[in-house]
N, C-alpha and C. Protein backbone atom coordinates (compact mmCIF):
# COMPACT_ATOMS: atom_id res chain seq x y z
N MET A 1 -84.02 -74.90 -113.14
CA MET A 1 -82.96 -73.85 -114.53
C MET A 1 -84.31 -72.98 -114.20
N LYS A 2 -83.64 -71.39 -114.38
CA LYS A 2 -84.28 -70.18 -114.67
C LYS A 2 -84.35 -70.14 -116.70
N PRO A 3 -85.48 -69.47 -116.81
CA PRO A 3 -85.86 -69.62 -117.61
C PRO A 3 -84.77 -68.10 -118.43
N THR A 4 -84.26 -67.90 -119.16
CA THR A 4 -83.29 -67.19 -119.92
C THR A 4 -83.23 -65.92 -120.58
N LYS A 5 -84.57 -66.21 -121.29
CA LYS A 5 -85.13 -65.51 -122.40
C LYS A 5 -86.32 -64.98 -122.30
N THR A 6 -87.21 -63.69 -122.73
CA THR A 6 -87.85 -63.01 -122.72
C THR A 6 -88.54 -63.28 -123.65
N ILE A 7 -90.60 -63.74 -122.73
CA ILE A 7 -91.34 -63.45 -124.91
C ILE A 7 -91.34 -62.61 -125.05
N PRO A 8 -90.99 -62.15 -126.48
CA PRO A 8 -92.08 -61.54 -126.91
C PRO A 8 -93.32 -61.10 -126.62
N THR A 9 -93.34 -59.69 -128.13
CA THR A 9 -94.49 -59.75 -127.62
C THR A 9 -95.61 -59.78 -128.97
N PHE A 10 -96.36 -60.58 -129.19
CA PHE A 10 -96.60 -61.46 -130.53
C PHE A 10 -98.05 -59.89 -131.06
N LYS A 11 -97.75 -59.22 -132.54
CA LYS A 11 -99.24 -58.39 -133.21
C LYS A 11 -100.28 -58.96 -132.88
N ASP A 12 -100.37 -60.92 -133.39
CA ASP A 12 -100.89 -61.46 -133.97
C ASP A 12 -101.15 -62.78 -133.44
N GLU A 13 -102.00 -63.84 -133.39
CA GLU A 13 -102.30 -64.84 -133.32
C GLU A 13 -100.60 -65.83 -133.84
N ASN A 14 -101.33 -65.61 -134.83
CA ASN A 14 -99.98 -66.09 -136.56
C ASN A 14 -99.10 -66.46 -135.80
N GLU A 15 -98.69 -64.30 -135.58
CA GLU A 15 -97.22 -64.14 -135.81
C GLU A 15 -96.59 -65.50 -133.54
N GLU A 16 -97.71 -65.29 -132.55
CA GLU A 16 -97.17 -66.26 -131.96
C GLU A 16 -96.84 -68.58 -132.10
N ARG A 17 -98.18 -68.31 -133.23
CA ARG A 17 -97.65 -69.58 -134.11
C ARG A 17 -96.20 -70.44 -133.53
N GLU A 18 -95.68 -69.18 -135.32
CA GLU A 18 -93.98 -69.17 -136.03
C GLU A 18 -93.84 -69.68 -134.84
N PHE A 19 -93.83 -67.50 -134.01
CA PHE A 19 -92.87 -68.17 -133.37
C PHE A 19 -92.54 -69.79 -132.78
N TRP A 20 -92.93 -70.25 -132.23
CA TRP A 20 -93.33 -70.96 -130.82
C TRP A 20 -93.51 -72.25 -131.55
N GLU A 21 -92.94 -71.85 -132.56
CA GLU A 21 -93.10 -73.61 -133.61
C GLU A 21 -91.49 -73.23 -133.94
N LYS A 22 -90.31 -72.35 -134.57
CA LYS A 22 -89.03 -72.32 -134.68
C LYS A 22 -88.15 -72.29 -132.90
N SER A 23 -89.13 -72.14 -132.02
CA SER A 23 -88.84 -71.71 -130.41
C SER A 23 -88.62 -72.94 -129.37
N ASP A 24 -87.71 -73.09 -128.77
CA ASP A 24 -87.98 -73.89 -127.60
C ASP A 24 -88.01 -73.98 -126.03
N THR A 25 -89.55 -74.58 -125.55
CA THR A 25 -89.91 -73.30 -125.00
C THR A 25 -89.17 -73.25 -122.91
N LEU A 26 -88.44 -74.75 -123.34
CA LEU A 26 -87.45 -74.87 -121.85
C LEU A 26 -86.47 -73.20 -121.72
N ASP A 27 -86.65 -73.04 -123.07
CA ASP A 27 -85.33 -71.14 -122.69
C ASP A 27 -86.69 -70.54 -122.24
N TYR A 28 -88.12 -70.04 -122.42
CA TYR A 28 -88.64 -69.25 -121.92
C TYR A 28 -88.95 -69.86 -120.33
N PHE A 29 -89.62 -70.63 -120.35
CA PHE A 29 -90.06 -71.20 -119.03
C PHE A 29 -89.11 -72.32 -117.61
N ASP A 30 -89.63 -71.54 -116.79
CA ASP A 30 -89.01 -72.44 -115.81
C ASP A 30 -90.48 -74.31 -115.23
N THR A 31 -89.43 -75.23 -116.71
CA THR A 31 -90.26 -76.30 -115.83
C THR A 31 -89.20 -77.08 -114.40
N SER A 32 -89.10 -76.97 -113.31
CA SER A 32 -88.16 -77.59 -112.62
C SER A 32 -89.12 -77.68 -112.15
N ASN A 33 -90.87 -76.74 -111.44
CA ASN A 33 -91.77 -77.05 -110.02
C ASN A 33 -93.02 -77.47 -111.73
N ALA A 34 -92.38 -78.63 -112.20
CA ALA A 34 -93.55 -78.35 -113.50
C ALA A 34 -94.81 -79.71 -112.36
N LYS A 35 -96.08 -79.99 -112.74
CA LYS A 35 -97.08 -80.46 -111.63
C LYS A 35 -97.61 -81.70 -113.73
N VAL A 36 -97.86 -82.67 -113.65
CA VAL A 36 -98.76 -83.07 -114.17
C VAL A 36 -100.24 -83.19 -113.19
N VAL A 37 -100.73 -82.60 -115.07
CA VAL A 37 -102.25 -82.38 -114.59
C VAL A 37 -103.23 -83.10 -115.48
N ARG A 38 -104.22 -82.98 -115.20
CA ARG A 38 -105.25 -84.18 -116.02
C ARG A 38 -106.32 -82.54 -116.54
N PHE A 39 -106.98 -82.80 -118.19
CA PHE A 39 -108.48 -82.44 -118.28
C PHE A 39 -109.72 -83.19 -118.07
N PRO A 40 -110.25 -83.79 -117.33
CA PRO A 40 -110.29 -84.55 -117.89
C PRO A 40 -111.71 -84.21 -118.16
N ASN A 41 -112.23 -83.50 -119.38
CA ASN A 41 -113.99 -82.56 -119.25
C ASN A 41 -113.10 -82.51 -120.74
N LEU A 42 -111.32 -82.08 -120.75
CA LEU A 42 -111.20 -81.89 -122.85
C LEU A 42 -111.81 -82.73 -123.36
N LYS A 43 -112.91 -82.95 -124.39
CA LYS A 43 -112.88 -83.48 -125.72
C LYS A 43 -112.53 -83.69 -126.59
N LYS A 44 -111.82 -84.60 -126.85
CA LYS A 44 -110.80 -83.81 -128.47
C LYS A 44 -110.96 -82.97 -129.41
N THR A 45 -110.97 -82.87 -130.38
CA THR A 45 -111.31 -82.05 -131.09
C THR A 45 -112.05 -82.83 -132.31
N THR A 46 -113.07 -82.74 -133.09
CA THR A 46 -113.23 -83.28 -134.31
C THR A 46 -113.63 -82.62 -135.39
N LYS A 47 -113.55 -83.90 -137.18
CA LYS A 47 -114.06 -83.10 -137.98
C LYS A 47 -115.20 -82.99 -139.29
N SER A 48 -115.82 -82.80 -139.44
CA SER A 48 -116.49 -83.78 -139.93
C SER A 48 -116.02 -84.43 -141.39
N ILE A 49 -116.74 -85.07 -141.52
CA ILE A 49 -116.32 -85.59 -142.71
C ILE A 49 -117.54 -86.70 -143.13
N SER A 50 -117.23 -85.80 -145.27
CA SER A 50 -118.13 -87.15 -146.19
C SER A 50 -117.44 -87.87 -146.68
N ILE A 51 -118.73 -89.60 -146.24
CA ILE A 51 -118.05 -90.41 -146.82
C ILE A 51 -118.85 -91.12 -147.80
N ARG A 52 -118.49 -91.70 -148.82
CA ARG A 52 -120.14 -92.52 -149.73
C ARG A 52 -119.67 -93.59 -149.16
N LEU A 53 -121.25 -94.84 -149.29
CA LEU A 53 -120.42 -96.13 -148.79
C LEU A 53 -121.65 -96.54 -149.21
N PRO A 54 -121.59 -97.48 -149.89
CA PRO A 54 -123.08 -98.59 -150.46
C PRO A 54 -124.41 -98.21 -149.26
N VAL A 55 -125.41 -98.36 -149.78
CA VAL A 55 -126.28 -97.77 -149.36
C VAL A 55 -126.04 -99.58 -148.68
N ASP A 56 -126.03 -100.48 -148.99
CA ASP A 56 -126.84 -102.09 -148.02
C ASP A 56 -125.10 -101.36 -147.02
N MET A 57 -124.38 -101.30 -146.54
CA MET A 57 -123.24 -101.39 -146.50
C MET A 57 -123.46 -100.29 -144.70
N LEU A 58 -124.65 -99.98 -145.79
CA LEU A 58 -124.34 -98.25 -144.49
C LEU A 58 -125.83 -98.70 -143.82
N ASP A 59 -126.36 -100.05 -144.12
CA ASP A 59 -128.16 -100.30 -143.46
C ASP A 59 -127.22 -101.25 -142.39
N GLU A 60 -126.43 -101.75 -142.94
CA GLU A 60 -126.20 -103.44 -142.07
C GLU A 60 -125.57 -102.06 -140.99
N LEU A 61 -124.34 -101.25 -141.57
CA LEU A 61 -123.71 -101.09 -139.86
C LEU A 61 -125.03 -100.28 -139.01
N LYS A 62 -126.12 -99.66 -139.37
CA LYS A 62 -126.92 -99.07 -138.79
C LYS A 62 -128.21 -99.85 -138.07
N VAL A 63 -127.39 -101.63 -138.51
CA VAL A 63 -128.38 -102.44 -137.64
C VAL A 63 -127.74 -102.44 -136.39
N ARG A 64 -126.86 -103.39 -136.65
CA ARG A 64 -125.27 -103.48 -135.83
C ARG A 64 -125.39 -102.95 -134.31
N ALA A 65 -124.90 -101.09 -135.25
CA ALA A 65 -125.76 -99.56 -133.61
C ALA A 65 -126.65 -100.29 -133.26
N ASN A 66 -127.75 -100.23 -133.55
CA ASN A 66 -129.38 -100.01 -133.12
C ASN A 66 -129.23 -101.95 -132.02
N SER A 67 -128.06 -102.66 -132.93
CA SER A 67 -128.50 -103.77 -132.28
C SER A 67 -127.48 -103.78 -130.54
N ILE A 68 -126.34 -103.58 -130.46
CA ILE A 68 -126.22 -102.57 -129.11
C ILE A 68 -126.64 -101.33 -128.66
N ASP A 69 -127.04 -100.83 -129.15
CA ASP A 69 -127.98 -99.64 -128.31
C ASP A 69 -126.75 -98.12 -128.78
N VAL A 70 -126.69 -98.05 -130.07
CA VAL A 70 -125.34 -97.15 -130.40
C VAL A 70 -125.58 -96.45 -131.00
N PRO A 71 -125.64 -95.19 -131.62
CA PRO A 71 -125.80 -94.76 -132.70
C PRO A 71 -125.13 -95.10 -133.46
N TYR A 72 -125.42 -95.46 -134.88
CA TYR A 72 -124.77 -94.87 -135.86
C TYR A 72 -123.19 -95.18 -136.14
N GLN A 73 -123.61 -93.57 -136.31
CA GLN A 73 -121.89 -93.23 -136.61
C GLN A 73 -120.79 -93.50 -135.35
N SER A 74 -121.07 -92.98 -134.32
CA SER A 74 -120.74 -93.61 -133.03
C SER A 74 -119.29 -94.70 -133.21
N PHE A 75 -120.86 -96.27 -133.78
CA PHE A 75 -120.44 -97.34 -133.85
C PHE A 75 -119.71 -97.51 -135.16
N ILE A 76 -119.71 -96.48 -136.14
CA ILE A 76 -117.98 -96.64 -137.05
C ILE A 76 -117.57 -95.87 -136.46
N LYS A 77 -116.94 -94.72 -135.57
CA LYS A 77 -115.79 -94.58 -134.67
C LYS A 77 -115.79 -95.22 -134.15
N MET A 78 -115.90 -96.33 -133.51
CA MET A 78 -115.67 -97.60 -132.76
C MET A 78 -115.76 -98.26 -133.70
N LEU A 79 -115.61 -99.00 -134.93
CA LEU A 79 -114.90 -100.02 -135.72
C LEU A 79 -113.59 -98.99 -136.31
N LEU A 80 -113.96 -97.78 -136.78
CA LEU A 80 -112.19 -97.53 -136.74
C LEU A 80 -111.56 -96.71 -136.10
N GLN A 81 -111.19 -97.30 -134.55
CA GLN A 81 -110.69 -97.32 -133.59
C GLN A 81 -110.46 -98.46 -133.73
N GLU A 82 -110.43 -99.63 -133.39
CA GLU A 82 -110.77 -100.93 -133.68
C GLU A 82 -109.68 -101.36 -134.47
N GLY A 83 -110.23 -100.05 -135.45
CA GLY A 83 -109.27 -100.95 -137.24
C GLY A 83 -107.52 -100.62 -136.23
N LEU A 84 -108.10 -99.14 -136.31
CA LEU A 84 -106.87 -99.27 -136.14
C LEU A 84 -105.47 -99.08 -135.13
N SER A 85 -106.43 -99.57 -133.64
CA SER A 85 -105.62 -99.94 -133.32
C SER A 85 -105.41 -100.84 -133.49
N ALA A 86 -105.47 -102.14 -133.85
CA ALA A 86 -105.13 -103.25 -134.31
C ALA A 86 -103.88 -103.74 -134.81
N ARG A 87 -104.15 -102.31 -135.94
CA ARG A 87 -103.05 -101.83 -136.17
C ARG A 87 -101.48 -101.63 -136.16
N GLY A 88 -102.14 -101.30 -135.04
CA GLY A 88 -101.26 -100.47 -133.83
C GLY A 88 -100.41 -99.28 -134.63
N ASN A 89 -100.69 -98.85 -135.33
CA ASN A 89 -101.16 -96.68 -134.91
C ASN A 89 -101.41 -95.69 -134.71
N ILE A 90 -102.33 -96.74 -132.99
CA ILE A 90 -102.53 -94.83 -132.29
C ILE A 90 -102.22 -95.72 -130.89
């Protein structure tokens, strides 16, 4: 299938973002020869958050993380991932 429309010129990223949010890419790109690719070195975007934990809970997290030789913040992410996976949300 050949694309039927020409991609317009955008004045900035916001205009382009708005355009693609409303447009179907199949109208602009020929996907008949598309190939699956992997980007193994890309890392997920992360965002810092602040969370208040009881001191005894944080101490216990640090002890458990240390027992498996993992930084405690990574251990917390592991626990969150396990919890989300157990609920079928991921």
